[in-house]
Amino acid sequence: MTTDTKAKGPASYFPSIEKTYGHPVSHWFTLLGSVKNKKHTEQVAFLKSEHKLGHGHANALVAYYRAKNGN
């Protein structure tokens, strides 16, 4: 990636999330859809407790998901 196209914000975590947990980010977004009516912190807790994601990765996924889905 060039400097101009490098991901910023929560999306910058996506390559690490995919490598660490072995699933594409779309997998995690599908799971977040099942708890879409919960608060941000509850969604983060769901990913951490039910799927063993680290806090930073869970928070990045939730922040991106909520921004894209108007939550």
PDB file of N, CA and C in Angstrom:
ATOM      1  N   MET A   1       0.828  -1.188   0.000  1.00  0.00           N
ATOM      2  CA  MET A   1       0.000   0.000   0.000  1.00  0.00           C
ATOM      3  C   MET A   1       0.867   1.244   0.000  1.00  0.00           C
ATOM      4  N   THR A   2       0.424   2.215  -0.702  1.00  0.00           N
ATOM      5  CA  THR A   2       1.134   3.482  -0.657  1.00  0.00           C
ATOM      6  C   THR A   2       0.630   4.281   0.525  1.00  0.00           C
ATOM      7  N   THR A   3       1.327   5.318   0.846  1.00  0.00           N
ATOM      8  CA  THR A   3       0.931   6.171   1.956  1.00  0.00           C
ATOM      9  C   THR A   3      -0.463   6.752   1.712  1.00  0.00           C
ATOM     10  N   ASP A   4      -0.792   7.042   0.452  1.00  0.00           N
ATOM     11  CA  ASP A   4      -2.076   7.646   0.111  1.00  0.00           C
ATOM     12  C   ASP A   4      -3.248   6.702   0.336  1.00  0.00           C
ATOM     13  N   THR A   5      -3.041   5.386   0.199  1.00  0.00           N
ATOM     14  CA  THR A   5      -4.137   4.437   0.305  1.00  0.00           C
ATOM     15  C   THR A   5      -4.123   3.646   1.608  1.00  0.00           C
ATOM     16  N   LYS A   6      -3.217   3.951   2.480  1.00  0.00           N
ATOM     17  CA  LYS A   6      -3.125   3.229   3.739  1.00  0.00           C
ATOM     18  C   LYS A   6      -4.366   3.479   4.585  1.00  0.00           C
ATOM     19  N   ALA A   7      -4.931   2.396   5.136  1.00  0.00           N
ATOM     20  CA  ALA A   7      -6.136   2.502   5.965  1.00  0.00           C
ATOM     21  C   ALA A   7      -5.839   3.311   7.218  1.00  0.00           C
ATOM     22  N   LYS A   8      -6.836   4.076   7.625  1.00  0.00           N
ATOM     23  CA  LYS A   8      -6.710   4.893   8.828  1.00  0.00           C
ATOM     24  C   LYS A   8      -7.855   4.579   9.768  1.00  0.00           C
ATOM     25  N   GLY A   9      -7.717   4.984  11.006  1.00  0.00           N
ATOM     26  CA  GLY A   9      -8.781   4.769  11.986  1.00  0.00           C
ATOM     27  C   GLY A   9      -8.985   3.296  12.274  1.00  0.00           C
ATOM     28  N   PRO A  10     -10.212   2.916  12.606  1.00  0.00           N
ATOM     29  CA  PRO A  10     -10.484   1.520  12.969  1.00  0.00           C
ATOM     30  C   PRO A  10     -10.085   0.517  11.878  1.00  0.00           C
ATOM     31  N   ALA A  11     -10.233   0.904  10.608  1.00  0.00           N
ATOM     32  CA  ALA A  11      -9.907  -0.019   9.518  1.00  0.00           C
ATOM     33  C   ALA A  11      -8.429  -0.400   9.493  1.00  0.00           C
ATOM     34  N   SER A  12      -7.588   0.395  10.108  1.00  0.00           N
ATOM     35  CA  SER A  12      -6.163   0.062  10.134  1.00  0.00           C
ATOM     36  C   SER A  12      -5.893  -1.214  10.933  1.00  0.00           C
ATOM     37  N   TYR A  13      -6.832  -1.616  11.774  1.00  0.00           N
ATOM     38  CA  TYR A  13      -6.692  -2.845  12.558  1.00  0.00           C
ATOM     39  C   TYR A  13      -7.094  -4.098  11.779  1.00  0.00           C
ATOM     40  N   PHE A  14      -7.809  -3.941  10.660  1.00  0.00           N
ATOM     41  CA  PHE A  14      -8.398  -5.091   9.986  1.00  0.00           C
ATOM     42  C   PHE A  14      -7.402  -6.162   9.564  1.00  0.00           C
ATOM     43  N   PRO A  15      -6.250  -5.826   8.974  1.00  0.00           N
ATOM     44  CA  PRO A  15      -5.302  -6.895   8.613  1.00  0.00           C
ATOM     45  C   PRO A  15      -4.855  -7.709   9.827  1.00  0.00           C
ATOM     46  N   SER A  16      -4.607  -7.038  10.928  1.00  0.00           N
ATOM     47  CA  SER A  16      -4.185  -7.739  12.147  1.00  0.00           C
ATOM     48  C   SER A  16      -5.310  -8.608  12.701  1.00  0.00           C
ATOM     49  N   ILE A  17      -6.534  -8.110  12.659  1.00  0.00           N
ATOM     50  CA  ILE A  17      -7.682  -8.879  13.145  1.00  0.00           C
ATOM     51  C   ILE A  17      -7.847 -10.149  12.314  1.00  0.00           C
ATOM     52  N   GLU A  18      -7.775 -10.009  10.997  1.00  0.00           N
ATOM     53  CA  GLU A  18      -7.937 -11.170  10.130  1.00  0.00           C
ATOM     54  C   GLU A  18      -6.822 -12.189  10.354  1.00  0.00           C
ATOM     55  N   LYS A  19      -5.611 -11.720  10.525  1.00  0.00           N
ATOM     56  CA  LYS A  19      -4.474 -12.620  10.751  1.00  0.00           C
ATOM     57  C   LYS A  19      -4.563 -13.301  12.121  1.00  0.00           C
ATOM     58  N   THR A  20      -4.900 -12.536  13.139  1.00  0.00           N
ATOM     59  CA  THR A  20      -4.920 -13.056  14.504  1.00  0.00           C
ATOM     60  C   THR A  20      -6.041 -14.062  14.741  1.00  0.00           C
ATOM     61  N   TYR A  21      -7.235 -13.770  14.204  1.00  0.00           N
ATOM     62  CA  TYR A  21      -8.399 -14.584  14.534  1.00  0.00           C
ATOM     63  C   TYR A  21      -8.850 -15.503  13.408  1.00  0.00           C
ATOM     64  N   GLY A  22      -8.229 -15.392  12.229  1.00  0.00           N
ATOM     65  CA  GLY A  22      -8.494 -16.322  11.145  1.00  0.00           C
ATOM     66  C   GLY A  22      -9.825 -16.169  10.433  1.00  0.00           C
ATOM     67  N   HIS A  23     -10.457 -15.018  10.594  1.00  0.00           N
ATOM     68  CA  HIS A  23     -11.731 -14.748   9.918  1.00  0.00           C
ATOM     69  C   HIS A  23     -11.653 -13.378   9.250  1.00  0.00           C
ATOM     70  N   PRO A  24     -12.337 -13.230   8.111  1.00  0.00           N
ATOM     71  CA  PRO A  24     -12.395 -11.893   7.501  1.00  0.00           C
ATOM     72  C   PRO A  24     -13.239 -10.962   8.366  1.00  0.00           C
ATOM     73  N   VAL A  25     -13.045  -9.672   8.224  1.00  0.00           N
ATOM     74  CA  VAL A  25     -13.818  -8.727   9.043  1.00  0.00           C
ATOM     75  C   VAL A  25     -15.310  -8.861   8.778  1.00  0.00           C
ATOM     76  N   SER A  26     -15.692  -9.295   7.585  1.00  0.00           N
ATOM     77  CA  SER A  26     -17.115  -9.490   7.299  1.00  0.00           C
ATOM     78  C   SER A  26     -17.751 -10.493   8.260  1.00  0.00           C
ATOM     79  N   HIS A  27     -16.985 -11.477   8.702  1.00  0.00           N
ATOM     80  CA  HIS A  27     -17.470 -12.444   9.695  1.00  0.00           C
ATOM     81  C   HIS A  27     -17.858 -11.733  10.986  1.00  0.00           C
ATOM     82  N   TRP A  28     -16.992 -10.836  11.428  1.00  0.00           N
ATOM     83  CA  TRP A  28     -17.243 -10.123  12.684  1.00  0.00           C
ATOM     84  C   TRP A  28     -18.404  -9.148  12.533  1.00  0.00           C
ATOM     85  N   PHE A  29     -18.544  -8.540  11.354  1.00  0.00           N
ATOM     86  CA  PHE A  29     -19.665  -7.629  11.120  1.00  0.00           C
ATOM     87  C   PHE A  29     -20.990  -8.398  11.127  1.00  0.00           C
ATOM     88  N   THR A  30     -20.981  -9.614  10.614  1.00  0.00           N
ATOM     89  CA  THR A  30     -22.185 -10.450  10.659  1.00  0.00           C
ATOM     90  C   THR A  30     -22.560 -10.742  12.111  1.00  0.00           C
ATOM     91  N   LEU A  31     -21.572 -11.070  12.916  1.00  0.00           N
ATOM     92  CA  LEU A  31     -21.838 -11.320  14.341  1.00  0.00           C
ATOM     93  C   LEU A  31     -22.361 -10.068  15.030  1.00  0.00           C
ATOM     94  N   LEU A  32     -21.791  -8.927  14.703  1.00  0.00           N
ATOM     95  CA  LEU A  32     -22.265  -7.674  15.305  1.00  0.00           C
ATOM     96  C   LEU A  32     -23.705  -7.375  14.897  1.00  0.00           C
ATOM     97  N   GLY A  33     -24.100  -7.837  13.732  1.00  0.00           N
ATOM     98  CA  GLY A  33     -25.490  -7.662  13.313  1.00  0.00           C
ATOM     99  C   GLY A  33     -26.469  -8.347  14.248  1.00  0.00           C
ATOM    100  N   SER A  34     -26.010  -9.405  14.915  1.00  0.00           N
ATOM    101  CA  SER A  34     -26.890 -10.122  15.851  1.00  0.00           C
ATOM    102  C   SER A  34     -27.072  -9.374  17.163  1.00  0.00           C
ATOM    103  N   VAL A  35     -26.232  -8.372  17.409  1.00  0.00           N
ATOM    104  CA  VAL A  35     -26.348  -7.558  18.630  1.00  0.00           C
ATOM    105  C   VAL A  35     -26.404  -6.071  18.279  1.00  0.00           C
ATOM    106  N   LYS A  36     -26.969  -5.777  17.106  1.00  0.00           N
ATOM    107  CA  LYS A  36     -26.957  -4.402  16.592  1.00  0.00           C
ATOM    108  C   LYS A  36     -27.735  -3.421  17.458  1.00  0.00           C
ATOM    109  N   ASN A  37     -28.658  -3.889  18.267  1.00  0.00           N
ATOM    110  CA  ASN A  37     -29.450  -2.994  19.109  1.00  0.00           C
ATOM    111  C   ASN A  37     -28.817  -2.722  20.473  1.00  0.00           C
ATOM    112  N   LYS A  38     -27.659  -3.300  20.709  1.00  0.00           N
ATOM    113  CA  LYS A  38     -26.954  -3.080  21.972  1.00  0.00           C
ATOM    114  C   LYS A  38     -26.096  -1.826  21.879  1.00  0.00           C
ATOM    115  N   LYS A  39     -25.671  -1.336  23.031  1.00  0.00           N
ATOM    116  CA  LYS A  39     -24.780  -0.177  23.094  1.00  0.00           C
ATOM    117  C   LYS A  39     -23.374  -0.578  22.646  1.00  0.00           C
ATOM    118  N   HIS A  40     -22.586   0.435  22.299  1.00  0.00           N
ATOM    119  CA  HIS A  40     -21.201   0.211  21.858  1.00  0.00           C
ATOM    120  C   HIS A  40     -20.445  -0.672  22.854  1.00  0.00           C
ATOM    121  N   THR A  41     -20.478  -0.312  24.123  1.00  0.00           N
ATOM    122  CA  THR A  41     -19.716  -1.072  25.125  1.00  0.00           C
ATOM    123  C   THR A  41     -20.218  -2.501  25.262  1.00  0.00           C
ATOM    124  N   GLU A  42     -21.510  -2.701  25.068  1.00  0.00           N
ATOM    125  CA  GLU A  42     -22.070  -4.056  25.138  1.00  0.00           C
ATOM    126  C   GLU A  42     -21.642  -4.885  23.934  1.00  0.00           C
ATOM    127  N   GLN A  43     -21.537  -4.249  22.783  1.00  0.00           N
ATOM    128  CA  GLN A  43     -21.065  -4.955  21.594  1.00  0.00           C
ATOM    129  C   GLN A  43     -19.592  -5.352  21.742  1.00  0.00           C
ATOM    130  N   VAL A  44     -18.802  -4.443  22.281  1.00  0.00           N
ATOM    131  CA  VAL A  44     -17.387  -4.749  22.533  1.00  0.00           C
ATOM    132  C   VAL A  44     -17.288  -5.918  23.514  1.00  0.00           C
ATOM    133  N   ALA A  45     -18.047  -5.866  24.587  1.00  0.00           N
ATOM    134  CA  ALA A  45     -18.032  -6.943  25.590  1.00  0.00           C
ATOM    135  C   ALA A  45     -18.449  -8.275  24.969  1.00  0.00           C
ATOM    136  N   PHE A  46     -19.417  -8.251  24.066  1.00  0.00           N
ATOM    137  CA  PHE A  46     -19.865  -9.462  23.368  1.00  0.00           C
ATOM    138  C   PHE A  46     -18.703 -10.090  22.589  1.00  0.00           C
ATOM    139  N   LEU A  47     -17.987  -9.292  21.822  1.00  0.00           N
ATOM    140  CA  LEU A  47     -16.869  -9.828  21.047  1.00  0.00           C
ATOM    141  C   LEU A  47     -15.754 -10.345  21.947  1.00  0.00           C
ATOM    142  N   LYS A  48     -15.517  -9.663  23.040  1.00  0.00           N
ATOM    143  CA  LYS A  48     -14.457 -10.074  23.965  1.00  0.00           C
ATOM    144  C   LYS A  48     -14.823 -11.357  24.708  1.00  0.00           C
ATOM    145  N   SER A  49     -16.030 -11.413  25.251  1.00  0.00           N
ATOM    146  CA  SER A  49     -16.392 -12.554  26.090  1.00  0.00           C
ATOM    147  C   SER A  49     -16.798 -13.783  25.285  1.00  0.00           C
ATOM    148  N   GLU A  50     -17.552 -13.580  24.226  1.00  0.00           N
ATOM    149  CA  GLU A  50     -18.059 -14.712  23.452  1.00  0.00           C
ATOM    150  C   GLU A  50     -17.097 -15.206  22.376  1.00  0.00           C
ATOM    151  N   HIS A  51     -16.226 -14.311  21.908  1.00  0.00           N
ATOM    152  CA  HIS A  51     -15.364 -14.672  20.783  1.00  0.00           C
ATOM    153  C   HIS A  51     -13.880 -14.427  21.047  1.00  0.00           C
ATOM    154  N   LYS A  52     -13.563 -14.023  22.266  1.00  0.00           N
ATOM    155  CA  LYS A  52     -12.168 -13.917  22.745  1.00  0.00           C
ATOM    156  C   LYS A  52     -11.305 -12.925  21.979  1.00  0.00           C
ATOM    157  N   LEU A  53     -11.918 -11.861  21.466  1.00  0.00           N
ATOM    158  CA  LEU A  53     -11.135 -10.805  20.820  1.00  0.00           C
ATOM    159  C   LEU A  53     -10.529  -9.917  21.894  1.00  0.00           C
ATOM    160  N   GLY A  54      -9.384  -9.332  21.580  1.00  0.00           N
ATOM    161  CA  GLY A  54      -8.784  -8.352  22.467  1.00  0.00           C
ATOM    162  C   GLY A  54      -9.596  -7.065  22.427  1.00  0.00           C
ATOM    163  N   HIS A  55      -9.432  -6.232  23.435  1.00  0.00           N
ATOM    164  CA  HIS A  55     -10.230  -5.019  23.547  1.00  0.00           C
ATOM    165  C   HIS A  55     -10.048  -4.078  22.350  1.00  0.00           C
ATOM    166  N   GLY A  56      -8.812  -3.837  21.951  1.00  0.00           N
ATOM    167  CA  GLY A  56      -8.554  -2.925  20.845  1.00  0.00           C
ATOM    168  C   GLY A  56      -9.167  -3.404  19.541  1.00  0.00           C
ATOM    169  N   HIS A  57      -9.048  -4.691  19.276  1.00  0.00           N
ATOM    170  CA  HIS A  57      -9.627  -5.247  18.054  1.00  0.00           C
ATOM    171  C   HIS A  57     -11.148  -5.187  18.096  1.00  0.00           C
ATOM    172  N   ALA A  58     -11.732  -5.559  19.216  1.00  0.00           N
ATOM    173  CA  ALA A  58     -13.189  -5.519  19.354  1.00  0.00           C
ATOM    174  C   ALA A  58     -13.698  -4.088  19.209  1.00  0.00           C
ATOM    175  N   ASN A  59     -13.031  -3.165  19.841  1.00  0.00           N
ATOM    176  CA  ASN A  59     -13.447  -1.766  19.783  1.00  0.00           C
ATOM    177  C   ASN A  59     -13.351  -1.217  18.356  1.00  0.00           C
ATOM    178  N   ALA A  60     -12.306  -1.573  17.639  1.00  0.00           N
ATOM    179  CA  ALA A  60     -12.147  -1.113  16.255  1.00  0.00           C
ATOM    180  C   ALA A  60     -13.268  -1.651  15.371  1.00  0.00           C
ATOM    181  N   LEU A  61     -13.589  -2.927  15.519  1.00  0.00           N
ATOM    182  CA  LEU A  61     -14.663  -3.515  14.728  1.00  0.00           C
ATOM    183  C   LEU A  61     -16.001  -2.845  15.029  1.00  0.00           C
ATOM    184  N   VAL A  62     -16.292  -2.642  16.305  1.00  0.00           N
ATOM    185  CA  VAL A  62     -17.559  -2.027  16.698  1.00  0.00           C
ATOM    186  C   VAL A  62     -17.628  -0.582  16.198  1.00  0.00           C
ATOM    187  N   ALA A  63     -16.565   0.178  16.360  1.00  0.00           N
ATOM    188  CA  ALA A  63     -16.564   1.579  15.926  1.00  0.00           C
ATOM    189  C   ALA A  63     -16.824   1.668  14.425  1.00  0.00           C
ATOM    190  N   TYR A  64     -16.154   0.836  13.642  1.00  0.00           N
ATOM    191  CA  TYR A  64     -16.332   0.850  12.201  1.00  0.00           C
ATOM    192  C   TYR A  64     -17.744   0.417  11.834  1.00  0.00           C
ATOM    193  N   TYR A  65     -18.206  -0.663  12.429  1.00  0.00           N
ATOM    194  CA  TYR A  65     -19.547  -1.195  12.151  1.00  0.00           C
ATOM    195  C   TYR A  65     -20.615  -0.140  12.449  1.00  0.00           C
ATOM    196  N   ARG A  66     -20.509   0.496  13.604  1.00  0.00           N
ATOM    197  CA  ARG A  66     -21.504   1.480  13.988  1.00  0.00           C
ATOM    198  C   ARG A  66     -21.464   2.712  13.073  1.00  0.00           C
ATOM    199  N   ALA A  67     -20.292   3.127  12.667  1.00  0.00           N
ATOM    200  CA  ALA A  67     -20.173   4.279  11.769  1.00  0.00           C
ATOM    201  C   ALA A  67     -20.794   3.985  10.403  1.00  0.00           C
ATOM    202  N   LYS A  68     -20.615   2.767   9.921  1.00  0.00           N
ATOM    203  CA  LYS A  68     -21.137   2.389   8.615  1.00  0.00           C
ATOM    204  C   LYS A  68     -22.632   2.079   8.632  1.00  0.00           C
ATOM    205  N   ASN A  69     -23.147   1.725   9.789  1.00  0.00           N
ATOM    206  CA  ASN A  69     -24.553   1.315   9.882  1.00  0.00           C
ATOM    207  C   ASN A  69     -25.421   2.323  10.631  1.00  0.00           C
ATOM    208  N   GLY A  70     -24.886   3.498  10.868  1.00  0.00           N
ATOM    209  CA  GLY A  70     -25.674   4.563  11.480  1.00  0.00           C
ATOM    210  C   GLY A  70     -26.116   4.319  12.901  1.00  0.00           C
ATOM    211  N   ASN A  71     -25.295   3.643  13.682  1.00  0.00           N
ATOM    212  CA  ASN A  71     -25.644   3.389  15.094  1.00  0.00           C
ATOM    213  C   ASN A  71     -25.083   4.470  15.970  1.00  0.00           C
TER     214      ASN A  71
END
